[in-house]
Amino acid sequence: LPGAYDLAMFDHDYHVLEHVLFMGS
């Protein structure tokens, strides 16, 4: 979703969380 995607790009901590969730799920 645009809001969540841009949040992950602007904030590295959210970006790390995104990748961890991708790999774990």
PDB file of all heavy atoms in Angstrom:
ATOM      1  N   LEU A   1       0.857  -1.186   0.000  1.00  0.00           N
ATOM      2  CA  LEU A   1       0.000   0.000   0.000  1.00  0.00           C
ATOM      3  C   LEU A   1       0.893   1.237   0.000  1.00  0.00           C
ATOM      4  O   LEU A   1       1.940   1.262   0.658  1.00  0.00           O
ATOM      5  CB  LEU A   1      -0.899  -0.002   1.241  1.00  0.00           C
ATOM      6  CG  LEU A   1      -1.945  -1.131   1.316  1.00  0.00           C
ATOM      7  CD1 LEU A   1      -2.650  -1.087   2.660  1.00  0.00           C
ATOM      8  CD2 LEU A   1      -2.925  -1.032   0.160  1.00  0.00           C
ATOM      9  N   PRO A   2       0.519   2.293  -0.746  1.00  0.00           N
ATOM     10  CA  PRO A   2       1.417   3.463  -0.875  1.00  0.00           C
ATOM     11  C   PRO A   2       1.892   4.023   0.456  1.00  0.00           C
ATOM     12  O   PRO A   2       3.086   4.322   0.617  1.00  0.00           O
ATOM     13  CB  PRO A   2       0.539   4.464  -1.638  1.00  0.00           C
ATOM     14  CG  PRO A   2      -0.372   3.613  -2.454  1.00  0.00           C
ATOM     15  CD  PRO A   2      -0.682   2.420  -1.592  1.00  0.00           C
ATOM     16  N   GLY A   3       0.994   4.183   1.441  1.00  0.00           N
ATOM     17  CA  GLY A   3       1.405   4.754   2.720  1.00  0.00           C
ATOM     18  C   GLY A   3       2.418   3.893   3.445  1.00  0.00           C
ATOM     19  O   GLY A   3       3.438   4.390   3.938  1.00  0.00           O
ATOM     20  N   ALA A   4       2.172   2.564   3.509  1.00  0.00           N
ATOM     21  CA  ALA A   4       3.088   1.659   4.201  1.00  0.00           C
ATOM     22  C   ALA A   4       4.412   1.551   3.456  1.00  0.00           C
ATOM     23  O   ALA A   4       5.490   1.498   4.078  1.00  0.00           O
ATOM     24  CB  ALA A   4       2.438   0.278   4.341  1.00  0.00           C
ATOM     25  N   TYR A   5       4.351   1.532   2.120  1.00  0.00           N
ATOM     26  CA  TYR A   5       5.574   1.392   1.330  1.00  0.00           C
ATOM     27  C   TYR A   5       6.479   2.607   1.524  1.00  0.00           C
ATOM     28  O   TYR A   5       7.684   2.466   1.761  1.00  0.00           O
ATOM     29  CB  TYR A   5       5.217   1.222  -0.144  1.00  0.00           C
ATOM     30  CG  TYR A   5       6.353   0.714  -0.996  1.00  0.00           C
ATOM     31  CD1 TYR A   5       6.443  -0.636  -1.317  1.00  0.00           C
ATOM     32  CD2 TYR A   5       7.346   1.570  -1.457  1.00  0.00           C
ATOM     33  CE1 TYR A   5       7.492  -1.118  -2.087  1.00  0.00           C
ATOM     34  CE2 TYR A   5       8.395   1.104  -2.226  1.00  0.00           C
ATOM     35  CZ  TYR A   5       8.459  -0.247  -2.542  1.00  0.00           C
ATOM     36  OH  TYR A   5       9.505  -0.718  -3.295  1.00  0.00           O
ATOM     37  N   ASP A   6       5.899   3.808   1.407  1.00  0.00           N
ATOM     38  CA  ASP A   6       6.714   5.010   1.577  1.00  0.00           C
ATOM     39  C   ASP A   6       7.243   5.122   3.000  1.00  0.00           C
ATOM     40  O   ASP A   6       8.373   5.577   3.224  1.00  0.00           O
ATOM     41  CB  ASP A   6       5.896   6.253   1.218  1.00  0.00           C
ATOM     42  CG  ASP A   6       5.762   6.433  -0.291  1.00  0.00           C
ATOM     43  OD1 ASP A   6       6.701   6.047  -1.014  1.00  0.00           O
ATOM     44  OD2 ASP A   6       4.722   6.942  -0.744  1.00  0.00           O
ATOM     45  N   LEU A   7       6.441   4.670   3.995  1.00  0.00           N
ATOM     46  CA  LEU A   7       6.928   4.680   5.379  1.00  0.00           C
ATOM     47  C   LEU A   7       8.177   3.818   5.516  1.00  0.00           C
ATOM     48  O   LEU A   7       9.152   4.212   6.167  1.00  0.00           O
ATOM     49  CB  LEU A   7       5.830   4.165   6.307  1.00  0.00           C
ATOM     50  CG  LEU A   7       6.214   4.005   7.791  1.00  0.00           C
ATOM     51  CD1 LEU A   7       6.551   5.362   8.403  1.00  0.00           C
ATOM     52  CD2 LEU A   7       5.091   3.326   8.564  1.00  0.00           C
ATOM     53  N   ALA A   8       8.167   2.635   4.894  1.00  0.00           N
ATOM     54  CA  ALA A   8       9.335   1.754   4.971  1.00  0.00           C
ATOM     55  C   ALA A   8      10.543   2.365   4.268  1.00  0.00           C
ATOM     56  O   ALA A   8      11.681   2.162   4.694  1.00  0.00           O
ATOM     57  CB  ALA A   8       9.000   0.396   4.345  1.00  0.00           C
ATOM     58  N   MET A   9      10.308   3.132   3.196  1.00  0.00           N
ATOM     59  CA  MET A   9      11.423   3.731   2.476  1.00  0.00           C
ATOM     60  C   MET A   9      12.000   4.934   3.229  1.00  0.00           C
ATOM     61  O   MET A   9      13.196   5.194   3.179  1.00  0.00           O
ATOM     62  CB  MET A   9      10.970   4.154   1.081  1.00  0.00           C
ATOM     63  CG  MET A   9      10.489   3.012   0.199  1.00  0.00           C
ATOM     64  SD  MET A   9      11.671   1.639   0.042  1.00  0.00           S
ATOM     65  CE  MET A   9      13.023   2.453  -0.805  1.00  0.00           C
ATOM     66  N   PHE A  10      11.136   5.681   3.930  1.00  0.00           N
ATOM     67  CA  PHE A  10      11.621   6.848   4.658  1.00  0.00           C
ATOM     68  C   PHE A  10      12.290   6.486   5.976  1.00  0.00           C
ATOM     69  O   PHE A  10      13.161   7.196   6.456  1.00  0.00           O
ATOM     70  CB  PHE A  10      10.461   7.816   4.946  1.00  0.00           C
ATOM     71  CG  PHE A  10       9.842   8.400   3.711  1.00  0.00           C
ATOM     72  CD1 PHE A  10       8.484   8.629   3.651  1.00  0.00           C
ATOM     73  CD2 PHE A  10      10.617   8.720   2.615  1.00  0.00           C
ATOM     74  CE1 PHE A  10       7.901   9.159   2.520  1.00  0.00           C
ATOM     75  CE2 PHE A  10      10.047   9.255   1.477  1.00  0.00           C
ATOM     76  CZ  PHE A  10       8.678   9.474   1.426  1.00  0.00           C
ATOM     77  N   ASP A  11      11.874   5.375   6.592  1.00  0.00           N
ATOM     78  CA  ASP A  11      12.370   4.993   7.914  1.00  0.00           C
ATOM     79  C   ASP A  11      13.021   3.609   7.810  1.00  0.00           C
ATOM     80  O   ASP A  11      12.338   2.608   7.561  1.00  0.00           O
ATOM     81  CB  ASP A  11      11.214   4.969   8.920  1.00  0.00           C
ATOM     82  CG  ASP A  11      11.691   4.832  10.363  1.00  0.00           C
ATOM     83  OD1 ASP A  11      12.580   3.994  10.618  1.00  0.00           O
ATOM     84  OD2 ASP A  11      11.159   5.551  11.232  1.00  0.00           O
ATOM     85  N   HIS A  12      14.329   3.534   8.036  1.00  0.00           N
ATOM     86  CA  HIS A  12      15.068   2.281   7.846  1.00  0.00           C
ATOM     87  C   HIS A  12      14.604   1.193   8.812  1.00  0.00           C
ATOM     88  O   HIS A  12      14.614   0.005   8.458  1.00  0.00           O
ATOM     89  CB  HIS A  12      16.565   2.529   8.014  1.00  0.00           C
ATOM     90  CG  HIS A  12      17.396   1.325   7.688  1.00  0.00           C
ATOM     91  ND1 HIS A  12      17.533   0.827   6.411  1.00  0.00           N
ATOM     92  CD2 HIS A  12      18.129   0.491   8.488  1.00  0.00           C
ATOM     93  CE1 HIS A  12      18.301  -0.236   6.423  1.00  0.00           C
ATOM     94  NE2 HIS A  12      18.681  -0.465   7.661  1.00  0.00           N
ATOM     95  N   ASP A  13      14.196   1.563  10.021  1.00  0.00           N
ATOM     96  CA  ASP A  13      13.739   0.550  10.977  1.00  0.00           C
ATOM     97  C   ASP A  13      12.501  -0.170  10.450  1.00  0.00           C
ATOM     98  O   ASP A  13      12.371  -1.397  10.581  1.00  0.00           O
ATOM     99  CB  ASP A  13      13.431   1.200  12.327  1.00  0.00           C
ATOM    100  CG  ASP A  13      14.696   1.688  13.031  1.00  0.00           C
ATOM    101  OD1 ASP A  13      15.783   1.173  12.705  1.00  0.00           O
ATOM    102  OD2 ASP A  13      14.592   2.590  13.889  1.00  0.00           O
ATOM    103  N   TYR A  14      11.583   0.581   9.856  1.00  0.00           N
ATOM    104  CA  TYR A  14      10.399  -0.045   9.256  1.00  0.00           C
ATOM    105  C   TYR A  14      10.777  -0.889   8.045  1.00  0.00           C
ATOM    106  O   TYR A  14      10.147  -1.914   7.766  1.00  0.00           O
ATOM    107  CB  TYR A  14       9.373   1.019   8.858  1.00  0.00           C
ATOM    108  CG  TYR A  14       8.583   1.562  10.030  1.00  0.00           C
ATOM    109  CD1 TYR A  14       8.852   2.830  10.538  1.00  0.00           C
ATOM    110  CD2 TYR A  14       7.586   0.806  10.614  1.00  0.00           C
ATOM    111  CE1 TYR A  14       8.141   3.332  11.622  1.00  0.00           C
ATOM    112  CE2 TYR A  14       6.860   1.291  11.701  1.00  0.00           C
ATOM    113  CZ  TYR A  14       7.145   2.559  12.202  1.00  0.00           C
ATOM    114  OH  TYR A  14       6.435   3.035  13.268  1.00  0.00           O
ATOM    115  N   HIS A  15      11.806  -0.461   7.333  1.00  0.00           N
ATOM    116  CA  HIS A  15      12.276  -1.229   6.168  1.00  0.00           C
ATOM    117  C   HIS A  15      12.830  -2.585   6.614  1.00  0.00           C
ATOM    118  O   HIS A  15      12.560  -3.622   5.982  1.00  0.00           O
ATOM    119  CB  HIS A  15      13.349  -0.432   5.424  1.00  0.00           C
ATOM    120  CG  HIS A  15      13.511  -0.846   4.005  1.00  0.00           C
ATOM    121  ND1 HIS A  15      14.269  -0.136   3.096  1.00  0.00           N
ATOM    122  CD2 HIS A  15      13.021  -1.899   3.307  1.00  0.00           C
ATOM    123  CE1 HIS A  15      14.233  -0.733   1.926  1.00  0.00           C
ATOM    124  NE2 HIS A  15      13.486  -1.810   2.027  1.00  0.00           N
ATOM    125  N   VAL A  16      13.592  -2.599   7.695  1.00  0.00           N
ATOM    126  CA  VAL A  16      14.107  -3.856   8.234  1.00  0.00           C
ATOM    127  C   VAL A  16      12.951  -4.755   8.667  1.00  0.00           C
ATOM    128  O   VAL A  16      12.938  -5.964   8.386  1.00  0.00           O
ATOM    129  CB  VAL A  16      15.057  -3.584   9.416  1.00  0.00           C
ATOM    130  CG1 VAL A  16      15.427  -4.883  10.119  1.00  0.00           C
ATOM    131  CG2 VAL A  16      16.311  -2.863   8.934  1.00  0.00           C
ATOM    132  N   LEU A  17      11.963  -4.173   9.355  1.00  0.00           N
ATOM    133  CA  LEU A  17      10.794  -4.942   9.784  1.00  0.00           C
ATOM    134  C   LEU A  17      10.072  -5.539   8.570  1.00  0.00           C
ATOM    135  O   LEU A  17       9.651  -6.709   8.602  1.00  0.00           O
ATOM    136  CB  LEU A  17       9.843  -4.048  10.574  1.00  0.00           C
ATOM    137  CG  LEU A  17       8.502  -4.686  10.983  1.00  0.00           C
ATOM    138  CD1 LEU A  17       8.728  -5.858  11.929  1.00  0.00           C
ATOM    139  CD2 LEU A  17       7.587  -3.641  11.621  1.00  0.00           C
ATOM    140  N   GLU A  18       9.927  -4.764   7.513  1.00  0.00           N
ATOM    141  CA  GLU A  18       9.278  -5.249   6.294  1.00  0.00           C
ATOM    142  C   GLU A  18       9.988  -6.481   5.743  1.00  0.00           C
ATOM    143  O   GLU A  18       9.354  -7.500   5.429  1.00  0.00           O
ATOM    144  CB  GLU A  18       9.265  -4.145   5.244  1.00  0.00           C
ATOM    145  CG  GLU A  18       8.690  -4.564   3.901  1.00  0.00           C
ATOM    146  CD  GLU A  18       9.011  -3.573   2.799  1.00  0.00           C
ATOM    147  OE1 GLU A  18      10.188  -3.117   2.717  1.00  0.00           O
ATOM    148  OE2 GLU A  18       8.108  -3.276   2.009  1.00  0.00           O
ATOM    149  N   HIS A  19      11.314  -6.412   5.629  1.00  0.00           N
ATOM    150  CA  HIS A  19      12.060  -7.538   5.065  1.00  0.00           C
ATOM    151  C   HIS A  19      12.006  -8.769   5.979  1.00  0.00           C
ATOM    152  O   HIS A  19      11.911  -9.898   5.492  1.00  0.00           O
ATOM    153  CB  HIS A  19      13.509  -7.116   4.820  1.00  0.00           C
ATOM    154  CG  HIS A  19      13.674  -6.288   3.593  1.00  0.00           C
ATOM    155  ND1 HIS A  19      14.900  -5.811   3.163  1.00  0.00           N
ATOM    156  CD2 HIS A  19      12.775  -5.846   2.673  1.00  0.00           C
ATOM    157  CE1 HIS A  19      14.743  -5.126   2.058  1.00  0.00           C
ATOM    158  NE2 HIS A  19      13.456  -5.125   1.741  1.00  0.00           N
ATOM    159  N   VAL A  20      12.058  -8.566   7.288  1.00  0.00           N
ATOM    160  CA  VAL A  20      11.958  -9.694   8.218  1.00  0.00           C
ATOM    161  C   VAL A  20      10.600 -10.375   8.083  1.00  0.00           C
ATOM    162  O   VAL A  20      10.498 -11.617   8.048  1.00  0.00           O
ATOM    163  CB  VAL A  20      12.195  -9.226   9.667  1.00  0.00           C
ATOM    164  CG1 VAL A  20      11.843 -10.333  10.657  1.00  0.00           C
ATOM    165  CG2 VAL A  20      13.648  -8.796   9.860  1.00  0.00           C
ATOM    166  N   LEU A  21       9.532  -9.584   7.980  1.00  0.00           N
ATOM    167  CA  LEU A  21       8.195 -10.152   7.823  1.00  0.00           C
ATOM    168  C   LEU A  21       8.057 -10.867   6.488  1.00  0.00           C
ATOM    169  O   LEU A  21       7.419 -11.918   6.393  1.00  0.00           O
ATOM    170  CB  LEU A  21       7.140  -9.055   7.947  1.00  0.00           C
ATOM    171  CG  LEU A  21       6.873  -8.534   9.364  1.00  0.00           C
ATOM    172  CD1 LEU A  21       5.925  -7.350   9.330  1.00  0.00           C
ATOM    173  CD2 LEU A  21       6.306  -9.640  10.249  1.00  0.00           C
ATOM    174  N   PHE A  22       8.639 -10.302   5.431  1.00  0.00           N
ATOM    175  CA  PHE A  22       8.593 -10.959   4.125  1.00  0.00           C
ATOM    176  C   PHE A  22       9.244 -12.346   4.196  1.00  0.00           C
ATOM    177  O   PHE A  22       8.672 -13.340   3.743  1.00  0.00           O
ATOM    178  CB  PHE A  22       9.309 -10.108   3.067  1.00  0.00           C
ATOM    179  CG  PHE A  22       8.451  -9.021   2.473  1.00  0.00           C
ATOM    180  CD1 PHE A  22       9.026  -7.944   1.826  1.00  0.00           C
ATOM    181  CD2 PHE A  22       7.082  -9.074   2.547  1.00  0.00           C
ATOM    182  CE1 PHE A  22       8.251  -6.941   1.271  1.00  0.00           C
ATOM    183  CE2 PHE A  22       6.280  -8.084   1.998  1.00  0.00           C
ATOM    184  CZ  PHE A  22       6.873  -7.007   1.358  1.00  0.00           C
ATOM    185  N   MET A  23      10.467 -12.412   4.734  1.00  0.00           N
ATOM    186  CA  MET A  23      11.183 -13.686   4.758  1.00  0.00           C
ATOM    187  C   MET A  23      10.527 -14.684   5.709  1.00  0.00           C
ATOM    188  O   MET A  23      10.387 -15.867   5.376  1.00  0.00           O
ATOM    189  CB  MET A  23      12.651 -13.456   5.149  1.00  0.00           C
ATOM    190  CG  MET A  23      13.468 -12.793   4.052  1.00  0.00           C
ATOM    191  SD  MET A  23      15.249 -12.677   4.419  1.00  0.00           S
ATOM    192  CE  MET A  23      15.244 -11.327   5.582  1.00  0.00           C
ATOM    193  N   GLY A  24      10.103 -14.218   6.890  1.00  0.00           N
ATOM    194  CA  GLY A  24       9.478 -15.125   7.840  1.00  0.00           C
ATOM    195  C   GLY A  24       8.159 -15.680   7.330  1.00  0.00           C
ATOM    196  O   GLY A  24       7.912 -16.892   7.388  1.00  0.00           O
ATOM    197  N   SER A  25       7.296 -14.798   6.805  1.00  0.00           N
ATOM    198  CA  SER A  25       5.999 -15.266   6.306  1.00  0.00           C
ATOM    199  C   SER A  25       6.168 -16.178   5.101  1.00  0.00           C
ATOM    200  O   SER A  25       5.366 -17.091   4.885  1.00  0.00           O
ATOM    201  CB  SER A  25       5.113 -14.073   5.950  1.00  0.00           C
ATOM    202  OG  SER A  25       5.670 -13.305   4.893  1.00  0.00           O
TER     203      SER A  25
END
